[in-house]
Amino acid sequence: MTHRIYESRYIDVTSKVERHAEQLGALGHPARLGILRHIVQGGPEGTTTSELQTKLEIPWTTLNHHLDRLVASGLVSTRRDGKFAFHTADYAALRALTDFLWEDCCKRGKGCC
């Protein structure tokens, strides 16, 4: 039984690390990082694809590729309203990612940062 608990915790930690690695990978491209920053600045009402394209001057196909990667990583969500697509940041996912990066800061997780 102890082995199962250990195995379950190991799987949880592994999946957590894998999820955050995917998210960091999504942010590892300058265009996607810039896109996410503009989406975060857009707040809860969201930022349209047109606004992003105008601000960042990224071709539509390239922009959509990068947006798909951010959505797949769970950091951004997209909702449609008529002909417009609004992109919003998943603030809980962003918080979980930054918390993960800081949780073992100094003294092996005892907190000092």
PDB file of N, CA and C in Angstrom:
ATOM      1  N   MET A   1       0.823  -1.190   0.000  1.00  0.00           N
ATOM      2  CA  MET A   1       0.000   0.000   0.000  1.00  0.00           C
ATOM      3  C   MET A   1       0.870   1.258   0.000  1.00  0.00           C
ATOM      4  N   THR A   2       1.928   1.270   0.796  1.00  0.00           N
ATOM      5  CA  THR A   2       2.814   2.429   0.827  1.00  0.00           C
ATOM      6  C   THR A   2       3.399   2.693  -0.559  1.00  0.00           C
ATOM      7  N   HIS A   3       3.712   1.625  -1.259  1.00  0.00           N
ATOM      8  CA  HIS A   3       4.260   1.778  -2.605  1.00  0.00           C
ATOM      9  C   HIS A   3       3.265   2.488  -3.520  1.00  0.00           C
ATOM     10  N   ARG A   4       1.998   2.158  -3.395  1.00  0.00           N
ATOM     11  CA  ARG A   4       0.980   2.807  -4.221  1.00  0.00           C
ATOM     12  C   ARG A   4       0.886   4.298  -3.915  1.00  0.00           C
ATOM     13  N   ILE A   5       0.919   4.663  -2.661  1.00  0.00           N
ATOM     14  CA  ILE A   5       0.873   6.081  -2.294  1.00  0.00           C
ATOM     15  C   ILE A   5       2.091   6.787  -2.864  1.00  0.00           C
ATOM     16  N   TYR A   6       3.249   6.169  -2.717  1.00  0.00           N
ATOM     17  CA  TYR A   6       4.461   6.760  -3.267  1.00  0.00           C
ATOM     18  C   TYR A   6       4.342   6.893  -4.778  1.00  0.00           C
ATOM     19  N   GLU A   7       3.859   5.833  -5.426  1.00  0.00           N
ATOM     20  CA  GLU A   7       3.725   5.853  -6.883  1.00  0.00           C
ATOM     21  C   GLU A   7       2.750   6.938  -7.321  1.00  0.00           C
ATOM     22  N   SER A   8       1.655   7.101  -6.615  1.00  0.00           N
ATOM     23  CA  SER A   8       0.664   8.121  -6.939  1.00  0.00           C
ATOM     24  C   SER A   8       1.264   9.510  -6.803  1.00  0.00           C
ATOM     25  N   ARG A   9       1.998   9.739  -5.743  1.00  0.00           N
ATOM     26  CA  ARG A   9       2.640  11.048  -5.558  1.00  0.00           C
ATOM     27  C   ARG A   9       3.690  11.293  -6.628  1.00  0.00           C
ATOM     28  N   TYR A  10       4.421  10.252  -6.990  1.00  0.00           N
ATOM     29  CA  TYR A  10       5.427  10.377  -8.028  1.00  0.00           C
ATOM     30  C   TYR A  10       4.771  10.757  -9.349  1.00  0.00           C
ATOM     31  N   ILE A  11       3.664  10.103  -9.681  1.00  0.00           N
ATOM     32  CA  ILE A  11       2.948  10.414 -10.915  1.00  0.00           C
ATOM     33  C   ILE A  11       2.435  11.845 -10.879  1.00  0.00           C
ATOM     34  N   ASP A  12       1.884  12.280  -9.727  1.00  0.00           N
ATOM     35  CA  ASP A  12       1.396  13.652  -9.610  1.00  0.00           C
ATOM     36  C   ASP A  12       2.518  14.658  -9.828  1.00  0.00           C
ATOM     37  N   VAL A  13       3.667  14.418  -9.213  1.00  0.00           N
ATOM     38  CA  VAL A  13       4.803  15.323  -9.349  1.00  0.00           C
ATOM     39  C   VAL A  13       5.310  15.304 -10.792  1.00  0.00           C
ATOM     40  N   THR A  14       5.402  14.112 -11.370  1.00  0.00           N
ATOM     41  CA  THR A  14       5.877  13.998 -12.748  1.00  0.00           C
ATOM     42  C   THR A  14       4.941  14.715 -13.699  1.00  0.00           C
ATOM     43  N   SER A  15       3.639  14.510 -13.549  1.00  0.00           N
ATOM     44  CA  SER A  15       2.695  15.169 -14.454  1.00  0.00           C
ATOM     45  C   SER A  15       2.724  16.682 -14.259  1.00  0.00           C
ATOM     46  N   LYS A  16       2.921  17.115 -13.024  1.00  0.00           N
ATOM     47  CA  LYS A  16       3.026  18.549 -12.735  1.00  0.00           C
ATOM     48  C   LYS A  16       4.258  19.130 -13.427  1.00  0.00           C
ATOM     49  N   VAL A  17       5.364  18.450 -13.319  1.00  0.00           N
ATOM     50  CA  VAL A  17       6.599  18.908 -13.951  1.00  0.00           C
ATOM     51  C   VAL A  17       6.431  18.914 -15.465  1.00  0.00           C
ATOM     52  N   GLU A  18       5.826  17.863 -16.012  1.00  0.00           N
ATOM     53  CA  GLU A  18       5.620  17.798 -17.459  1.00  0.00           C
ATOM     54  C   GLU A  18       4.706  18.929 -17.939  1.00  0.00           C
ATOM     55  N   ARG A  19       3.622  19.191 -17.191  1.00  0.00           N
ATOM     56  CA  ARG A  19       2.698  20.265 -17.567  1.00  0.00           C
ATOM     57  C   ARG A  19       3.416  21.611 -17.564  1.00  0.00           C
ATOM     58  N   HIS A  20       4.183  21.875 -16.504  1.00  0.00           N
ATOM     59  CA  HIS A  20       4.886  23.156 -16.429  1.00  0.00           C
ATOM     60  C   HIS A  20       6.004  23.251 -17.469  1.00  0.00           C
ATOM     61  N   ALA A  21       6.637  22.139 -17.792  1.00  0.00           N
ATOM     62  CA  ALA A  21       7.655  22.145 -18.848  1.00  0.00           C
ATOM     63  C   ALA A  21       7.013  22.502 -20.183  1.00  0.00           C
ATOM     64  N   GLU A  22       5.829  21.967 -20.459  1.00  0.00           N
ATOM     65  CA  GLU A  22       5.109  22.306 -21.686  1.00  0.00           C
ATOM     66  C   GLU A  22       4.757  23.793 -21.709  1.00  0.00           C
ATOM     67  N   GLN A  23       4.314  24.311 -20.571  1.00  0.00           N
ATOM     68  CA  GLN A  23       3.963  25.729 -20.503  1.00  0.00           C
ATOM     69  C   GLN A  23       5.194  26.604 -20.706  1.00  0.00           C
ATOM     70  N   LEU A  24       6.290  26.247 -20.076  1.00  0.00           N
ATOM     71  CA  LEU A  24       7.515  27.025 -20.260  1.00  0.00           C
ATOM     72  C   LEU A  24       8.011  26.925 -21.698  1.00  0.00           C
ATOM     73  N   GLY A  25       7.841  25.757 -22.314  1.00  0.00           N
ATOM     74  CA  GLY A  25       8.197  25.599 -23.716  1.00  0.00           C
ATOM     75  C   GLY A  25       7.363  26.516 -24.602  1.00  0.00           C
ATOM     76  N   ALA A  26       6.081  26.630 -24.267  1.00  0.00           N
ATOM     77  CA  ALA A  26       5.205  27.523 -25.034  1.00  0.00           C
ATOM     78  C   ALA A  26       5.646  28.970 -24.897  1.00  0.00           C
ATOM     79  N   LEU A  27       6.181  29.311 -23.758  1.00  0.00           N
ATOM     80  CA  LEU A  27       6.636  30.684 -23.528  1.00  0.00           C
ATOM     81  C   LEU A  27       8.066  30.914 -24.024  1.00  0.00           C
ATOM     82  N   GLY A  28       8.713  29.847 -24.496  1.00  0.00           N
ATOM     83  CA  GLY A  28      10.110  29.921 -24.900  1.00  0.00           C
ATOM     84  C   GLY A  28      10.354  30.529 -26.267  1.00  0.00           C
ATOM     85  N   HIS A  29       9.331  31.071 -26.887  1.00  0.00           N
ATOM     86  CA  HIS A  29       9.496  31.730 -28.181  1.00  0.00           C
ATOM     87  C   HIS A  29       9.162  33.211 -27.992  1.00  0.00           C
ATOM     88  N   PRO A  30       9.991  34.112 -28.487  1.00  0.00           N
ATOM     89  CA  PRO A  30       9.751  35.547 -28.276  1.00  0.00           C
ATOM     90  C   PRO A  30       8.361  36.008 -28.735  1.00  0.00           C
ATOM     91  N   ALA A  31       7.880  35.487 -29.834  1.00  0.00           N
ATOM     92  CA  ALA A  31       6.557  35.906 -30.328  1.00  0.00           C
ATOM     93  C   ALA A  31       5.458  35.469 -29.357  1.00  0.00           C
ATOM     94  N   ARG A  32       5.537  34.229 -28.863  1.00  0.00           N
ATOM     95  CA  ARG A  32       4.501  33.752 -27.930  1.00  0.00           C
ATOM     96  C   ARG A  32       4.555  34.494 -26.605  1.00  0.00           C
ATOM     97  N   LEU A  33       5.737  34.803 -26.147  1.00  0.00           N
ATOM     98  CA  LEU A  33       5.853  35.574 -24.915  1.00  0.00           C
ATOM     99  C   LEU A  33       5.244  36.956 -25.101  1.00  0.00           C
ATOM    100  N   GLY A  34       5.505  37.588 -26.230  1.00  0.00           N
ATOM    101  CA  GLY A  34       4.902  38.894 -26.533  1.00  0.00           C
ATOM    102  C   GLY A  34       3.389  38.807 -26.654  1.00  0.00           C
ATOM    103  N   ILE A  35       2.904  37.756 -27.289  1.00  0.00           N
ATOM    104  CA  ILE A  35       1.456  37.554 -27.425  1.00  0.00           C
ATOM    105  C   ILE A  35       0.829  37.419 -26.049  1.00  0.00           C
ATOM    106  N   LEU A  36       1.422  36.586 -25.197  1.00  0.00           N
ATOM    107  CA  LEU A  36       0.870  36.396 -23.854  1.00  0.00           C
ATOM    108  C   LEU A  36       0.853  37.703 -23.078  1.00  0.00           C
ATOM    109  N   ARG A  37       1.893  38.484 -23.176  1.00  0.00           N
ATOM    110  CA  ARG A  37       1.928  39.778 -22.471  1.00  0.00           C
ATOM    111  C   ARG A  37       0.774  40.665 -22.902  1.00  0.00           C
ATOM    112  N   HIS A  38       0.505  40.732 -24.203  1.00  0.00           N
ATOM    113  CA  HIS A  38      -0.610  41.557 -24.690  1.00  0.00           C
ATOM    114  C   HIS A  38      -1.950  40.996 -24.241  1.00  0.00           C
ATOM    115  N   ILE A  39      -2.068  39.683 -24.204  1.00  0.00           N
ATOM    116  CA  ILE A  39      -3.309  39.069 -23.749  1.00  0.00           C
ATOM    117  C   ILE A  39      -3.530  39.354 -22.271  1.00  0.00           C
ATOM    118  N   VAL A  40      -2.493  39.234 -21.473  1.00  0.00           N
ATOM    119  CA  VAL A  40      -2.603  39.541 -20.040  1.00  0.00           C
ATOM    120  C   VAL A  40      -3.010  41.002 -19.849  1.00  0.00           C
ATOM    121  N   GLN A  41      -2.412  41.903 -20.601  1.00  0.00           N
ATOM    122  CA  GLN A  41      -2.743  43.323 -20.500  1.00  0.00           C
ATOM    123  C   GLN A  41      -4.181  43.595 -20.924  1.00  0.00           C
ATOM    124  N   GLY A  42      -4.750  42.726 -21.757  1.00  0.00           N
ATOM    125  CA  GLY A  42      -6.131  42.879 -22.206  1.00  0.00           C
ATOM    126  C   GLY A  42      -7.161  42.601 -21.121  1.00  0.00           C
ATOM    127  N   GLY A  43      -6.723  41.984 -20.038  1.00  0.00           N
ATOM    128  CA  GLY A  43      -7.624  41.730 -18.916  1.00  0.00           C
ATOM    129  C   GLY A  43      -8.662  40.658 -19.199  1.00  0.00           C
ATOM    130  N   PRO A  44      -9.635  40.545 -18.298  1.00  0.00           N
ATOM    131  CA  PRO A  44     -10.621  39.466 -18.405  1.00  0.00           C
ATOM    132  C   PRO A  44     -11.562  39.585 -19.599  1.00  0.00           C
ATOM    133  N   GLU A  45     -11.708  40.771 -20.168  1.00  0.00           N
ATOM    134  CA  GLU A  45     -12.584  40.896 -21.341  1.00  0.00           C
ATOM    135  C   GLU A  45     -11.937  40.314 -22.593  1.00  0.00           C
ATOM    136  N   GLY A  46     -10.625  40.174 -22.587  1.00  0.00           N
ATOM    137  CA  GLY A  46      -9.918  39.522 -23.674  1.00  0.00           C
ATOM    138  C   GLY A  46      -9.376  40.471 -24.724  1.00  0.00           C
ATOM    139  N   THR A  47      -8.561  39.921 -25.578  1.00  0.00           N
ATOM    140  CA  THR A  47      -7.930  40.643 -26.673  1.00  0.00           C
ATOM    141  C   THR A  47      -8.253  39.890 -27.957  1.00  0.00           C
ATOM    142  N   THR A  48      -8.698  40.609 -28.970  1.00  0.00           N
ATOM    143  CA  THR A  48      -9.047  39.941 -30.222  1.00  0.00           C
ATOM    144  C   THR A  48      -7.796  39.597 -31.019  1.00  0.00           C
ATOM    145  N   THR A  49      -7.964  38.649 -31.907  1.00  0.00           N
ATOM    146  CA  THR A  49      -6.876  38.279 -32.807  1.00  0.00           C
ATOM    147  C   THR A  49      -6.462  39.479 -33.636  1.00  0.00           C
ATOM    148  N   SER A  50      -7.431  40.274 -34.060  1.00  0.00           N
ATOM    149  CA  SER A  50      -7.121  41.473 -34.862  1.00  0.00           C
ATOM    150  C   SER A  50      -6.263  42.457 -34.079  1.00  0.00           C
ATOM    151  N   GLU A  51      -6.596  42.668 -32.804  1.00  0.00           N
ATOM    152  CA  GLU A  51      -5.793  43.569 -31.966  1.00  0.00           C
ATOM    153  C   GLU A  51      -4.364  43.056 -31.842  1.00  0.00           C
ATOM    154  N   LEU A  52      -4.220  41.756 -31.626  1.00  0.00           N
ATOM    155  CA  LEU A  52      -2.881  41.180 -31.502  1.00  0.00           C
ATOM    156  C   LEU A  52      -2.100  41.341 -32.796  1.00  0.00           C
ATOM    157  N   GLN A  53      -2.760  41.075 -33.906  1.00  0.00           N
ATOM    158  CA  GLN A  53      -2.090  41.162 -35.197  1.00  0.00           C
ATOM    159  C   GLN A  53      -1.632  42.592 -35.464  1.00  0.00           C
ATOM    160  N   THR A  54      -2.465  43.563 -35.126  1.00  0.00           N
ATOM    161  CA  THR A  54      -2.120  44.972 -35.337  1.00  0.00           C
ATOM    162  C   THR A  54      -0.969  45.396 -34.425  1.00  0.00           C
ATOM    163  N   LYS A  55      -1.039  45.029 -33.152  1.00  0.00           N
ATOM    164  CA  LYS A  55      -0.003  45.437 -32.194  1.00  0.00           C
ATOM    165  C   LYS A  55       1.342  44.780 -32.480  1.00  0.00           C
ATOM    166  N   LEU A  56       1.311  43.505 -32.831  1.00  0.00           N
ATOM    167  CA  LEU A  56       2.550  42.748 -32.957  1.00  0.00           C
ATOM    168  C   LEU A  56       3.062  42.623 -34.385  1.00  0.00           C
ATOM    169  N   GLU A  57       2.232  42.986 -35.352  1.00  0.00           N
ATOM    170  CA  GLU A  57       2.602  42.907 -36.765  1.00  0.00           C
ATOM    171  C   GLU A  57       3.142  41.527 -37.136  1.00  0.00           C
ATOM    172  N   ILE A  58       2.400  40.505 -36.716  1.00  0.00           N
ATOM    173  CA  ILE A  58       2.728  39.119 -37.025  1.00  0.00           C
ATOM    174  C   ILE A  58       1.734  38.647 -38.089  1.00  0.00           C
ATOM    175  N   PRO A  59       2.188  37.970 -39.135  1.00  0.00           N
ATOM    176  CA  PRO A  59       1.248  37.461 -40.134  1.00  0.00           C
ATOM    177  C   PRO A  59       0.179  36.568 -39.479  1.00  0.00           C
ATOM    178  N   TRP A  60      -1.030  36.596 -40.037  1.00  0.00           N
ATOM    179  CA  TRP A  60      -2.160  35.855 -39.465  1.00  0.00           C
ATOM    180  C   TRP A  60      -1.846  34.392 -39.215  1.00  0.00           C
ATOM    181  N   THR A  61      -1.277  33.730 -40.205  1.00  0.00           N
ATOM    182  CA  THR A  61      -1.030  32.292 -40.053  1.00  0.00           C
ATOM    183  C   THR A  61      -0.025  32.016 -38.932  1.00  0.00           C
ATOM    184  N   THR A  62       0.977  32.840 -38.842  1.00  0.00           N
ATOM    185  CA  THR A  62       1.975  32.689 -37.780  1.00  0.00           C
ATOM    186  C   THR A  62       1.350  32.983 -36.424  1.00  0.00           C
ATOM    187  N   LEU A  63       0.553  34.040 -36.351  1.00  0.00           N
ATOM    188  CA  LEU A  63      -0.116  34.399 -35.103  1.00  0.00           C
ATOM    189  C   LEU A  63      -1.028  33.265 -34.639  1.00  0.00           C
ATOM    190  N   ASN A  64      -1.803  32.701 -35.547  1.00  0.00           N
ATOM    191  CA  ASN A  64      -2.711  31.608 -35.181  1.00  0.00           C
ATOM    192  C   ASN A  64      -1.940  30.383 -34.706  1.00  0.00           C
ATOM    193  N   HIS A  65      -0.814  30.100 -35.331  1.00  0.00           N
ATOM    194  CA  HIS A  65       0.038  28.993 -34.886  1.00  0.00           C
ATOM    195  C   HIS A  65       0.487  29.208 -33.444  1.00  0.00           C
ATOM    196  N   HIS A  66       0.960  30.407 -33.141  1.00  0.00           N
ATOM    197  CA  HIS A  66       1.431  30.710 -31.788  1.00  0.00           C
ATOM    198  C   HIS A  66       0.277  30.691 -30.786  1.00  0.00           C
ATOM    199  N   LEU A  67      -0.879  31.212 -31.173  1.00  0.00           N
ATOM    200  CA  LEU A  67      -2.041  31.175 -30.282  1.00  0.00           C
ATOM    201  C   LEU A  67      -2.454  29.739 -29.987  1.00  0.00           C
ATOM    202  N   ASP A  68      -2.429  28.888 -30.999  1.00  0.00           N
ATOM    203  CA  ASP A  68      -2.767  27.476 -30.787  1.00  0.00           C
ATOM    204  C   ASP A  68      -1.842  26.840 -29.760  1.00  0.00           C
ATOM    205  N   ARG A  69      -0.571  27.167 -29.826  1.00  0.00           N
ATOM    206  CA  ARG A  69       0.402  26.598 -28.872  1.00  0.00           C
ATOM    207  C   ARG A  69       0.120  27.095 -27.455  1.00  0.00           C
ATOM    208  N   LEU A  70      -0.218  28.370 -27.299  1.00  0.00           N
ATOM    209  CA  LEU A  70      -0.534  28.913 -25.975  1.00  0.00           C
ATOM    210  C   LEU A  70      -1.822  28.309 -25.428  1.00  0.00           C
ATOM    211  N   VAL A  71      -2.803  28.104 -26.286  1.00  0.00           N
ATOM    212  CA  VAL A  71      -4.060  27.475 -25.857  1.00  0.00           C
ATOM    213  C   VAL A  71      -3.798  26.024 -25.448  1.00  0.00           C
ATOM    214  N   ALA A  72      -3.032  25.294 -26.246  1.00  0.00           N
ATOM    215  CA  ALA A  72      -2.723  23.893 -25.952  1.00  0.00           C
ATOM    216  C   ALA A  72      -1.974  23.740 -24.631  1.00  0.00           C
ATOM    217  N   SER A  73      -1.181  24.734 -24.280  1.00  0.00           N
ATOM    218  CA  SER A  73      -0.418  24.674 -23.024  1.00  0.00           C
ATOM    219  C   SER A  73      -1.285  25.003 -21.808  1.00  0.00           C
ATOM    220  N   GLY A  74      -2.483  25.515 -22.056  1.00  0.00           N
ATOM    221  CA  GLY A  74      -3.383  25.845 -20.953  1.00  0.00           C
ATOM    222  C   GLY A  74      -3.186  27.226 -20.370  1.00  0.00           C
ATOM    223  N   LEU A  75      -2.367  28.052 -20.990  1.00  0.00           N
ATOM    224  CA  LEU A  75      -2.121  29.393 -20.466  1.00  0.00           C
ATOM    225  C   LEU A  75      -3.091  30.433 -21.021  1.00  0.00           C
ATOM    226  N   VAL A  76      -3.725  30.125 -22.141  1.00  0.00           N
ATOM    227  CA  VAL A  76      -4.638  31.051 -22.809  1.00  0.00           C
ATOM    228  C   VAL A  76      -5.889  30.285 -23.208  1.00  0.00           C
ATOM    229  N   SER A  77      -7.015  30.961 -23.148  1.00  0.00           N
ATOM    230  CA  SER A  77      -8.249  30.379 -23.674  1.00  0.00           C
ATOM    231  C   SER A  77      -8.814  31.323 -24.729  1.00  0.00           C
ATOM    232  N   THR A  78      -9.613  30.744 -25.613  1.00  0.00           N
ATOM    233  CA  THR A  78     -10.204  31.519 -26.705  1.00  0.00           C
ATOM    234  C   THR A  78     -11.705  31.315 -26.695  1.00  0.00           C
ATOM    235  N   ARG A  79     -12.443  32.408 -26.873  1.00  0.00           N
ATOM    236  CA  ARG A  79     -13.894  32.315 -27.013  1.00  0.00           C
ATOM    237  C   ARG A  79     -14.291  33.099 -28.252  1.00  0.00           C
ATOM    238  N   ARG A  80     -15.300  32.622 -28.906  1.00  0.00           N
ATOM    239  CA  ARG A  80     -15.788  33.276 -30.120  1.00  0.00           C
ATOM    240  C   ARG A  80     -17.039  34.071 -29.799  1.00  0.00           C
ATOM    241  N   ASP A  81     -17.126  35.248 -30.403  1.00  0.00           N
ATOM    242  CA  ASP A  81     -18.312  36.087 -30.316  1.00  0.00           C
ATOM    243  C   ASP A  81     -18.548  36.628 -31.720  1.00  0.00           C
ATOM    244  N   GLY A  82     -19.455  35.985 -32.427  1.00  0.00           N
ATOM    245  CA  GLY A  82     -19.671  36.354 -33.823  1.00  0.00           C
ATOM    246  C   GLY A  82     -18.438  36.020 -34.639  1.00  0.00           C
ATOM    247  N   LYS A  83     -17.948  36.994 -35.365  1.00  0.00           N
ATOM    248  CA  LYS A  83     -16.768  36.754 -36.198  1.00  0.00           C
ATOM    249  C   LYS A  83     -15.455  37.027 -35.465  1.00  0.00           C
ATOM    250  N   PHE A  84     -15.545  37.438 -34.216  1.00  0.00           N
ATOM    251  CA  PHE A  84     -14.344  37.763 -33.452  1.00  0.00           C
ATOM    252  C   PHE A  84     -13.940  36.623 -32.518  1.00  0.00           C
ATOM    253  N   ALA A  85     -12.636  36.452 -32.344  1.00  0.00           N
ATOM    254  CA  ALA A  85     -12.084  35.518 -31.363  1.00  0.00           C
ATOM    255  C   ALA A  85     -11.411  36.359 -30.284  1.00  0.00           C
ATOM    256  N   PHE A  86     -11.816  36.135 -29.045  1.00  0.00           N
ATOM    257  CA  PHE A  86     -11.234  36.843 -27.903  1.00  0.00           C
ATOM    258  C   PHE A  86     -10.347  35.870 -27.146  1.00  0.00           C
ATOM    259  N   HIS A  87      -9.149  36.323 -26.832  1.00  0.00           N
ATOM    260  CA  HIS A  87      -8.171  35.496 -26.129  1.00  0.00           C
ATOM    261  C   HIS A  87      -7.969  36.075 -24.730  1.00  0.00           C
ATOM    262  N   THR A  88      -8.044  35.203 -23.752  1.00  0.00           N
ATOM    263  CA  THR A  88      -7.830  35.625 -22.367  1.00  0.00           C
ATOM    264  C   THR A  88      -6.791  34.723 -21.716  1.00  0.00           C
ATOM    265  N   ALA A  89      -6.080  35.302 -20.780  1.00  0.00           N
ATOM    266  CA  ALA A  89      -5.091  34.542 -20.030  1.00  0.00           C
ATOM    267  C   ALA A  89      -5.800  33.701 -18.986  1.00  0.00           C
ATOM    268  N   ASP A  90      -5.275  32.525 -18.746  1.00  0.00           N
ATOM    269  CA  ASP A  90      -5.754  31.703 -17.634  1.00  0.00           C
ATOM    270  C   ASP A  90      -4.873  32.077 -16.444  1.00  0.00           C
ATOM    271  N   TYR A  91      -5.372  33.018 -15.672  1.00  0.00           N
ATOM    272  CA  TYR A  91      -4.568  33.568 -14.570  1.00  0.00           C
ATOM    273  C   TYR A  91      -4.237  32.512 -13.520  1.00  0.00           C
ATOM    274  N   ALA A  92      -5.139  31.566 -13.302  1.00  0.00           N
ATOM    275  CA  ALA A  92      -4.867  30.492 -12.337  1.00  0.00           C
ATOM    276  C   ALA A  92      -3.701  29.625 -12.833  1.00  0.00           C
ATOM    277  N   ALA A  93      -3.673  29.328 -14.121  1.00  0.00           N
ATOM    278  CA  ALA A  93      -2.573  28.535 -14.676  1.00  0.00           C
ATOM    279  C   ALA A  93      -1.257  29.304 -14.608  1.00  0.00           C
ATOM    280  N   LEU A  94      -1.306  30.600 -14.901  1.00  0.00           N
ATOM    281  CA  LEU A  94      -0.091  31.416 -14.803  1.00  0.00           C
ATOM    282  C   LEU A  94       0.410  31.489 -13.368  1.00  0.00           C
ATOM    283  N   ARG A  95      -0.518  31.614 -12.426  1.00  0.00           N
ATOM    284  CA  ARG A  95      -0.140  31.645 -11.005  1.00  0.00           C
ATOM    285  C   ARG A  95       0.460  30.302 -10.590  1.00  0.00           C
ATOM    286  N   ALA A  96      -0.146  29.205 -11.018  1.00  0.00           N
ATOM    287  CA  ALA A  96       0.380  27.878 -10.686  1.00  0.00           C
ATOM    288  C   ALA A  96       1.788  27.696 -11.246  1.00  0.00           C
ATOM    289  N   LEU A  97       2.019  28.196 -12.449  1.00  0.00           N
ATOM    290  CA  LEU A  97       3.345  28.093 -13.058  1.00  0.00           C
ATOM    291  C   LEU A  97       4.370  28.901 -12.273  1.00  0.00           C
ATOM    292  N   THR A  98       4.041  30.139 -11.943  1.00  0.00           N
ATOM    293  CA  THR A  98       5.009  30.954 -11.198  1.00  0.00           C
ATOM    294  C   THR A  98       5.191  30.428  -9.778  1.00  0.00           C
ATOM    295  N   ASP A  99       4.118  29.941  -9.164  1.00  0.00           N
ATOM    296  CA  ASP A  99       4.255  29.337  -7.832  1.00  0.00           C
ATOM    297  C   ASP A  99       5.174  28.127  -7.885  1.00  0.00           C
ATOM    298  N   PHE A 100       5.010  27.312  -8.927  1.00  0.00           N
ATOM    299  CA  PHE A 100       5.866  26.140  -9.097  1.00  0.00           C
ATOM    300  C   PHE A 100       7.332  26.558  -9.186  1.00  0.00           C
ATOM    301  N   LEU A 101       7.611  27.625  -9.910  1.00  0.00           N
ATOM    302  CA  LEU A 101       8.994  28.077 -10.061  1.00  0.00           C
ATOM    303  C   LEU A 101       9.581  28.556  -8.736  1.00  0.00           C
ATOM    304  N   TRP A 102       8.747  29.109  -7.867  1.00  0.00           N
ATOM    305  CA  TRP A 102       9.230  29.664  -6.614  1.00  0.00           C
ATOM    306  C   TRP A 102       9.078  28.726  -5.417  1.00  0.00           C
ATOM    307  N   GLU A 103       8.337  27.644  -5.548  1.00  0.00           N
ATOM    308  CA  GLU A 103       8.004  26.855  -4.361  1.00  0.00           C
ATOM    309  C   GLU A 103       9.206  26.243  -3.668  1.00  0.00           C
ATOM    310  N   ASP A 104      10.257  25.963  -4.381  1.00  0.00           N
ATOM    311  CA  ASP A 104      11.446  25.391  -3.751  1.00  0.00           C
ATOM    312  C   ASP A 104      12.574  26.394  -3.623  1.00  0.00           C
ATOM    313  N   CYS A 105      12.229  27.667  -3.732  1.00  0.00           N
ATOM    314  CA  CYS A 105      13.220  28.729  -3.617  1.00  0.00           C
ATOM    315  C   CYS A 105      13.880  28.675  -2.246  1.00  0.00           C
ATOM    316  N   CYS A 106      15.176  28.638  -2.239  1.00  0.00           N
ATOM    317  CA  CYS A 106      15.941  28.669  -0.989  1.00  0.00           C
ATOM    318  C   CYS A 106      15.508  27.570  -0.015  1.00  0.00           C
ATOM    319  N   LYS A 107      16.393  27.020   0.656  1.00  0.00           N
ATOM    320  CA  LYS A 107      16.137  26.106   1.772  1.00  0.00           C
ATOM    321  C   LYS A 107      15.177  24.982   1.426  1.00  0.00           C
ATOM    322  N   ARG A 108      15.187  24.540   0.185  1.00  0.00           N
ATOM    323  CA  ARG A 108      14.403  23.379  -0.240  1.00  0.00           C
ATOM    324  C   ARG A 108      12.922  23.467   0.119  1.00  0.00           C
ATOM    325  N   GLY A 109      12.320  24.588  -0.212  1.00  0.00           N
ATOM    326  CA  GLY A 109      10.883  24.716  -0.048  1.00  0.00           C
ATOM    327  C   GLY A 109      10.429  25.282   1.279  1.00  0.00           C
ATOM    328  N   LYS A 110      11.339  25.663   2.137  1.00  0.00           N
ATOM    329  CA  LYS A 110      10.933  26.222   3.435  1.00  0.00           C
ATOM    330  C   LYS A 110      10.589  27.689   3.330  1.00  0.00           C
ATOM    331  N   GLY A 111      10.795  28.236   2.176  1.00  0.00           N
ATOM    332  CA  GLY A 111      10.392  29.618   1.920  1.00  0.00           C
ATOM    333  C   GLY A 111      11.347  30.653   2.457  1.00  0.00           C
ATOM    334  N   CYS A 112      11.758  31.514   1.607  1.00  0.00           N
ATOM    335  CA  CYS A 112      12.595  32.641   2.025  1.00  0.00           C
ATOM    336  C   CYS A 112      12.494  33.758   1.006  1.00  0.00           C
ATOM    337  N   CYS A 113      11.840  33.521  -0.092  1.00  0.00           N
ATOM    338  CA  CYS A 113      11.777  34.506  -1.166  1.00  0.00           C
ATOM    339  C   CYS A 113      10.514  35.327  -1.079  1.00  0.00           C
TER     340      CYS A 113
END
